[in-house]
Amino acid sequence: MAYRVLIVDDSPAMRAFVRRVICLSGVDVADFFEAGNGREALALLANQWVDVILTDINMPEMDGEQFLERLQSEELLRSIPTVVISTDATSHRVERLRQLGACGYIAKPFLPENLREVLERHLGVPYA
């Protein structure tokens, strides 16, 4: 099964990097979608369904925490597995993000295998 993946990060270079890592990890992706912040991501989600969201925390306009809060407030959107990818890996921050609905957390920098592991766990399908 090919997945539809939304990458939310204010850095175009980081979005491209995450996209490349996903491709290297062996995950079967049908479509990639990108947004520069939570507000753009919500606008995209109004018209597109995705199977998983990978989001940064520190972004302008609507940061990752605000984005997670909005996802949780929408019945349909709260069912989408959301994984945070960030340099802030303090236990307090990770716990806060999990309370807000994040199902996974990946600390930057990371390897393709790390991302594949998290996606396998939350999408429920192992990749070759």
N, C-alpha and C. Protein backbone atom coordinates (compact mmCIF):
# COMPACT_ATOMS: atom_id res chain seq x y z
N MET A 1 0.84 -1.18 0.00
CA MET A 1 0.00 0.00 0.00
C MET A 1 0.89 1.25 0.00
N ALA A 2 0.62 2.16 -0.85
CA ALA A 2 1.36 3.42 -0.92
C ALA A 2 0.66 4.46 -0.06
N TYR A 3 1.46 5.23 0.65
CA TYR A 3 0.94 6.20 1.61
C TYR A 3 1.01 7.63 1.09
N ARG A 4 0.14 8.45 1.63
CA ARG A 4 0.12 9.90 1.35
C ARG A 4 0.70 10.58 2.58
N VAL A 5 1.80 11.29 2.39
CA VAL A 5 2.58 11.85 3.50
C VAL A 5 2.58 13.37 3.44
N LEU A 6 2.29 14.00 4.58
CA LEU A 6 2.37 15.46 4.70
C LEU A 6 3.58 15.81 5.56
N ILE A 7 4.47 16.64 5.01
CA ILE A 7 5.64 17.13 5.74
C ILE A 7 5.42 18.60 6.05
N VAL A 8 5.47 18.95 7.34
CA VAL A 8 5.23 20.32 7.78
C VAL A 8 6.50 20.85 8.44
N ASP A 9 7.13 21.82 7.79
CA ASP A 9 8.36 22.42 8.31
C ASP A 9 8.55 23.75 7.60
N ASP A 10 9.01 24.76 8.32
CA ASP A 10 9.19 26.07 7.70
C ASP A 10 10.42 26.15 6.81
N SER A 11 11.28 25.16 6.85
CA SER A 11 12.47 25.14 6.01
C SER A 11 12.26 24.26 4.78
N PRO A 12 12.27 24.87 3.58
CA PRO A 12 12.15 24.05 2.36
C PRO A 12 13.27 23.01 2.26
N ALA A 13 14.46 23.35 2.72
CA ALA A 13 15.57 22.40 2.68
C ALA A 13 15.30 21.20 3.59
N MET A 14 14.73 21.45 4.77
CA MET A 14 14.42 20.35 5.68
C MET A 14 13.29 19.49 5.13
N ARG A 15 12.29 20.11 4.51
CA ARG A 15 11.22 19.33 3.89
C ARG A 15 11.79 18.42 2.81
N ALA A 16 12.69 18.94 2.00
CA ALA A 16 13.32 18.14 0.94
C ALA A 16 14.15 17.01 1.55
N PHE A 17 14.85 17.30 2.64
CA PHE A 17 15.65 16.29 3.31
C PHE A 17 14.76 15.17 3.85
N VAL A 18 13.69 15.52 4.53
CA VAL A 18 12.77 14.51 5.09
C VAL A 18 12.18 13.67 3.96
N ARG A 19 11.81 14.31 2.89
CA ARG A 19 11.26 13.60 1.72
C ARG A 19 12.29 12.59 1.20
N ARG A 20 13.54 13.03 1.08
CA ARG A 20 14.60 12.15 0.59
C ARG A 20 14.83 10.98 1.55
N VAL A 21 14.84 11.25 2.84
CA VAL A 21 15.04 10.19 3.83
C VAL A 21 13.90 9.18 3.76
N ILE A 22 12.68 9.65 3.58
CA ILE A 22 11.54 8.72 3.45
C ILE A 22 11.74 7.83 2.24
N CYS A 23 12.16 8.41 1.13
CA CYS A 23 12.41 7.61 -0.07
C CYS A 23 13.51 6.57 0.18
N LEU A 24 14.57 6.97 0.86
CA LEU A 24 15.67 6.05 1.16
C LEU A 24 15.27 4.96 2.15
N SER A 25 14.28 5.25 2.98
CA SER A 25 13.87 4.29 4.01
C SER A 25 13.08 3.12 3.45
N GLY A 26 12.61 3.24 2.23
CA GLY A 26 11.85 2.15 1.63
C GLY A 26 10.35 2.25 1.81
N VAL A 27 9.87 3.31 2.40
CA VAL A 27 8.43 3.50 2.56
C VAL A 27 7.81 3.74 1.19
N ASP A 28 6.72 3.05 0.91
CA ASP A 28 6.03 3.19 -0.37
C ASP A 28 5.11 4.42 -0.30
N VAL A 29 5.50 5.49 -0.99
CA VAL A 29 4.75 6.74 -0.93
C VAL A 29 4.06 7.00 -2.27
N ALA A 30 2.76 7.24 -2.21
CA ALA A 30 1.99 7.59 -3.41
C ALA A 30 2.11 9.07 -3.69
N ASP A 31 2.00 9.89 -2.63
CA ASP A 31 2.04 11.35 -2.78
C ASP A 31 2.71 11.97 -1.56
N PHE A 32 3.50 13.01 -1.84
CA PHE A 32 4.04 13.87 -0.79
C PHE A 32 3.31 15.20 -0.86
N PHE A 33 2.98 15.75 0.30
CA PHE A 33 2.43 17.09 0.40
C PHE A 33 3.32 17.85 1.37
N GLU A 34 3.43 19.16 1.17
CA GLU A 34 4.29 19.96 2.02
C GLU A 34 3.57 21.23 2.46
N ALA A 35 3.92 21.67 3.68
CA ALA A 35 3.40 22.92 4.22
C ALA A 35 4.50 23.57 5.05
N GLY A 36 4.52 24.91 5.06
CA GLY A 36 5.53 25.66 5.76
C GLY A 36 5.22 25.94 7.22
N ASN A 37 3.98 25.65 7.64
CA ASN A 37 3.59 25.84 9.04
C ASN A 37 2.25 25.15 9.27
N GLY A 38 1.78 25.16 10.50
CA GLY A 38 0.53 24.49 10.82
C GLY A 38 -0.68 25.05 10.10
N ARG A 39 -0.71 26.36 9.91
CA ARG A 39 -1.84 26.98 9.22
C ARG A 39 -1.94 26.49 7.77
N GLU A 40 -0.80 26.46 7.08
CA GLU A 40 -0.78 25.95 5.70
C GLU A 40 -1.19 24.47 5.67
N ALA A 41 -0.73 23.72 6.65
CA ALA A 41 -1.06 22.30 6.71
C ALA A 41 -2.57 22.09 6.89
N LEU A 42 -3.19 22.86 7.76
CA LEU A 42 -4.64 22.74 7.96
C LEU A 42 -5.40 23.09 6.68
N ALA A 43 -4.95 24.11 5.97
CA ALA A 43 -5.59 24.48 4.70
C ALA A 43 -5.47 23.33 3.71
N LEU A 44 -4.32 22.70 3.66
CA LEU A 44 -4.12 21.57 2.76
C LEU A 44 -5.02 20.39 3.17
N LEU A 45 -5.10 20.13 4.48
CA LEU A 45 -5.90 19.01 4.97
C LEU A 45 -7.40 19.21 4.74
N ALA A 46 -7.83 20.43 4.48
CA ALA A 46 -9.23 20.68 4.17
C ALA A 46 -9.61 20.08 2.81
N ASN A 47 -8.59 19.84 1.96
CA ASN A 47 -8.85 19.35 0.61
C ASN A 47 -8.17 18.03 0.27
N GLN A 48 -7.26 17.58 1.11
CA GLN A 48 -6.49 16.36 0.84
C GLN A 48 -6.48 15.46 2.07
N TRP A 49 -6.63 14.17 1.84
CA TRP A 49 -6.46 13.22 2.94
C TRP A 49 -5.02 12.73 2.91
N VAL A 50 -4.42 12.58 4.09
CA VAL A 50 -3.08 12.00 4.19
C VAL A 50 -3.12 10.85 5.19
N ASP A 51 -2.15 9.96 5.06
CA ASP A 51 -2.08 8.80 5.95
C ASP A 51 -1.20 9.06 7.17
N VAL A 52 -0.27 10.01 7.04
CA VAL A 52 0.63 10.33 8.14
C VAL A 52 1.12 11.77 7.98
N ILE A 53 1.35 12.42 9.12
CA ILE A 53 1.88 13.78 9.13
C ILE A 53 3.21 13.76 9.89
N LEU A 54 4.22 14.40 9.29
CA LEU A 54 5.51 14.60 9.94
C LEU A 54 5.66 16.10 10.13
N THR A 55 5.78 16.55 11.38
CA THR A 55 5.81 17.98 11.63
C THR A 55 6.95 18.42 12.52
N ASP A 56 7.45 19.61 12.25
CA ASP A 56 8.43 20.27 13.09
C ASP A 56 7.66 20.96 14.22
N ILE A 57 8.38 21.50 15.19
CA ILE A 57 7.74 22.25 16.28
C ILE A 57 7.84 23.75 16.04
N ASN A 58 9.06 24.23 15.84
CA ASN A 58 9.30 25.67 15.76
C ASN A 58 9.07 26.19 14.35
N MET A 59 7.91 26.82 14.16
CA MET A 59 7.52 27.37 12.85
C MET A 59 6.77 28.68 13.08
N PRO A 60 6.81 29.58 12.11
CA PRO A 60 6.06 30.84 12.24
C PRO A 60 4.56 30.62 12.04
N GLU A 61 3.79 31.62 12.40
CA GLU A 61 2.32 31.67 12.25
C GLU A 61 1.60 30.66 13.13
N MET A 62 1.83 29.35 12.89
CA MET A 62 1.24 28.32 13.74
C MET A 62 2.30 27.26 13.95
N ASP A 63 2.79 27.16 15.20
CA ASP A 63 3.86 26.21 15.47
C ASP A 63 3.32 24.79 15.62
N GLY A 64 4.22 23.85 15.87
CA GLY A 64 3.84 22.45 15.96
C GLY A 64 2.88 22.14 17.09
N GLU A 65 3.06 22.78 18.24
CA GLU A 65 2.14 22.54 19.35
C GLU A 65 0.73 23.04 19.01
N GLN A 66 0.64 24.23 18.45
CA GLN A 66 -0.66 24.78 18.06
C GLN A 66 -1.31 23.89 16.99
N PHE A 67 -0.49 23.41 16.06
CA PHE A 67 -0.99 22.53 15.00
C PHE A 67 -1.54 21.24 15.59
N LEU A 68 -0.82 20.62 16.52
CA LEU A 68 -1.30 19.41 17.16
C LEU A 68 -2.61 19.66 17.91
N GLU A 69 -2.70 20.80 18.59
CA GLU A 69 -3.94 21.15 19.30
C GLU A 69 -5.12 21.22 18.33
N ARG A 70 -4.90 21.86 17.19
CA ARG A 70 -5.97 21.97 16.19
C ARG A 70 -6.34 20.61 15.61
N LEU A 71 -5.35 19.78 15.35
CA LEU A 71 -5.65 18.43 14.84
C LEU A 71 -6.52 17.67 15.83
N GLN A 72 -6.20 17.78 17.12
CA GLN A 72 -6.96 17.07 18.14
C GLN A 72 -8.38 17.60 18.29
N SER A 73 -8.59 18.85 17.92
CA SER A 73 -9.93 19.44 18.06
C SER A 73 -10.86 19.05 16.91
N GLU A 74 -10.30 18.46 15.86
CA GLU A 74 -11.09 18.05 14.70
C GLU A 74 -11.24 16.52 14.70
N GLU A 75 -12.45 16.04 14.80
CA GLU A 75 -12.68 14.60 14.92
C GLU A 75 -12.03 13.80 13.81
N LEU A 76 -12.16 14.22 12.58
CA LEU A 76 -11.59 13.48 11.45
C LEU A 76 -10.07 13.54 11.46
N LEU A 77 -9.50 14.71 11.75
CA LEU A 77 -8.05 14.89 11.67
C LEU A 77 -7.29 14.22 12.82
N ARG A 78 -7.93 14.06 13.96
CA ARG A 78 -7.22 13.48 15.11
C ARG A 78 -6.85 12.02 14.88
N SER A 79 -7.45 11.39 13.90
CA SER A 79 -7.13 9.98 13.62
C SER A 79 -5.87 9.81 12.76
N ILE A 80 -5.34 10.90 12.22
CA ILE A 80 -4.14 10.81 11.39
C ILE A 80 -2.91 10.70 12.28
N PRO A 81 -2.11 9.64 12.13
CA PRO A 81 -0.88 9.55 12.94
C PRO A 81 0.02 10.75 12.65
N THR A 82 0.47 11.42 13.71
CA THR A 82 1.31 12.60 13.58
C THR A 82 2.61 12.37 14.34
N VAL A 83 3.72 12.50 13.62
CA VAL A 83 5.05 12.28 14.18
C VAL A 83 5.78 13.62 14.18
N VAL A 84 6.36 13.97 15.31
CA VAL A 84 7.14 15.21 15.42
C VAL A 84 8.60 14.90 15.10
N ILE A 85 9.19 15.77 14.27
CA ILE A 85 10.62 15.69 13.96
C ILE A 85 11.22 17.02 14.38
N SER A 86 12.10 16.98 15.40
CA SER A 86 12.63 18.24 15.94
C SER A 86 13.98 18.04 16.61
N THR A 87 14.70 19.14 16.77
CA THR A 87 15.96 19.11 17.51
C THR A 87 15.71 19.17 19.02
N ASP A 88 14.55 19.59 19.44
CA ASP A 88 14.22 19.70 20.86
C ASP A 88 13.72 18.35 21.36
N ALA A 89 14.61 17.59 21.97
CA ALA A 89 14.26 16.25 22.43
C ALA A 89 14.24 16.14 23.95
N THR A 90 14.01 17.26 24.64
CA THR A 90 13.93 17.19 26.09
C THR A 90 12.72 16.35 26.50
N SER A 91 12.85 15.64 27.59
CA SER A 91 11.76 14.75 28.02
C SER A 91 10.47 15.54 28.28
N HIS A 92 10.60 16.76 28.80
CA HIS A 92 9.43 17.60 29.06
C HIS A 92 8.71 17.91 27.75
N ARG A 93 9.46 18.30 26.73
CA ARG A 93 8.85 18.65 25.43
C ARG A 93 8.21 17.43 24.78
N VAL A 94 8.91 16.29 24.79
CA VAL A 94 8.37 15.08 24.18
C VAL A 94 7.08 14.67 24.87
N GLU A 95 7.05 14.73 26.19
CA GLU A 95 5.83 14.38 26.94
C GLU A 95 4.70 15.34 26.59
N ARG A 96 4.99 16.62 26.52
CA ARG A 96 3.98 17.63 26.16
C ARG A 96 3.39 17.33 24.78
N LEU A 97 4.24 17.01 23.81
CA LEU A 97 3.78 16.72 22.45
C LEU A 97 2.93 15.45 22.40
N ARG A 98 3.30 14.47 23.18
CA ARG A 98 2.49 13.24 23.25
C ARG A 98 1.11 13.55 23.84
N GLN A 99 1.07 14.40 24.87
CA GLN A 99 -0.21 14.80 25.46
C GLN A 99 -1.08 15.53 24.44
N LEU A 100 -0.44 16.23 23.51
CA LEU A 100 -1.17 16.96 22.48
C LEU A 100 -1.57 16.07 21.30
N GLY A 101 -1.18 14.79 21.32
CA GLY A 101 -1.63 13.87 20.29
C GLY A 101 -0.56 13.31 19.37
N ALA A 102 0.69 13.72 19.53
CA ALA A 102 1.75 13.15 18.69
C ALA A 102 1.90 11.67 19.03
N CYS A 103 1.97 10.84 18.02
CA CYS A 103 2.11 9.41 18.27
C CYS A 103 3.57 8.97 18.23
N GLY A 104 4.44 9.84 17.76
CA GLY A 104 5.85 9.50 17.69
C GLY A 104 6.71 10.74 17.71
N TYR A 105 8.00 10.54 17.97
CA TYR A 105 8.94 11.65 18.04
C TYR A 105 10.28 11.17 17.48
N ILE A 106 10.85 11.97 16.60
CA ILE A 106 12.16 11.67 16.03
C ILE A 106 13.04 12.89 16.24
N ALA A 107 14.19 12.67 16.86
CA ALA A 107 15.13 13.76 17.11
C ALA A 107 16.04 13.95 15.89
N LYS A 108 16.21 15.21 15.50
CA LYS A 108 17.15 15.54 14.43
C LYS A 108 18.54 15.58 15.03
N PRO A 109 19.56 15.15 14.34
CA PRO A 109 19.53 14.46 13.04
C PRO A 109 19.11 13.01 13.22
N PHE A 110 18.64 12.40 12.14
CA PHE A 110 18.17 11.02 12.22
C PHE A 110 18.56 10.27 10.95
N LEU A 111 18.48 8.96 11.03
CA LEU A 111 18.80 8.08 9.90
C LEU A 111 17.51 7.57 9.26
N PRO A 112 17.56 7.15 8.00
CA PRO A 112 16.37 6.59 7.35
C PRO A 112 15.74 5.47 8.16
N GLU A 113 16.57 4.65 8.80
CA GLU A 113 16.07 3.52 9.58
C GLU A 113 15.21 3.99 10.76
N ASN A 114 15.61 5.12 11.39
CA ASN A 114 14.82 5.66 12.50
C ASN A 114 13.43 6.04 12.04
N LEU A 115 13.36 6.71 10.89
CA LEU A 115 12.07 7.13 10.36
C LEU A 115 11.23 5.92 9.95
N ARG A 116 11.85 4.96 9.29
CA ARG A 116 11.13 3.76 8.87
C ARG A 116 10.54 3.04 10.08
N GLU A 117 11.32 2.92 11.16
CA GLU A 117 10.85 2.27 12.38
C GLU A 117 9.60 2.93 12.94
N VAL A 118 9.63 4.24 13.03
CA VAL A 118 8.49 4.98 13.57
C VAL A 118 7.27 4.84 12.66
N LEU A 119 7.48 4.93 11.35
CA LEU A 119 6.36 4.79 10.43
C LEU A 119 5.78 3.38 10.46
N GLU A 120 6.63 2.37 10.54
CA GLU A 120 6.15 0.99 10.66
C GLU A 120 5.26 0.83 11.88
N ARG A 121 5.73 1.38 12.98
CA ARG A 121 5.00 1.25 14.25
C ARG A 121 3.63 1.91 14.19
N HIS A 122 3.53 3.05 13.52
CA HIS A 122 2.28 3.81 13.56
C HIS A 122 1.38 3.60 12.36
N LEU A 123 1.93 3.11 11.27
CA LEU A 123 1.08 2.77 10.13
C LEU A 123 0.75 1.28 10.14
N GLY A 124 1.50 0.52 10.92
CA GLY A 124 1.20 -0.89 11.10
C GLY A 124 1.61 -1.79 9.96
N VAL A 125 2.44 -1.32 9.07
CA VAL A 125 2.86 -2.16 7.94
C VAL A 125 4.38 -2.10 7.82
N PRO A 126 5.04 -3.26 7.89
CA PRO A 126 6.49 -3.25 7.71
C PRO A 126 6.85 -3.01 6.24
N TYR A 127 7.94 -2.33 6.03
CA TYR A 127 8.40 -2.03 4.68
C TYR A 127 9.56 -2.92 4.33
N ALA A 128 9.68 -3.22 3.06
CA ALA A 128 10.80 -4.05 2.60
C ALA A 128 12.03 -3.20 2.41
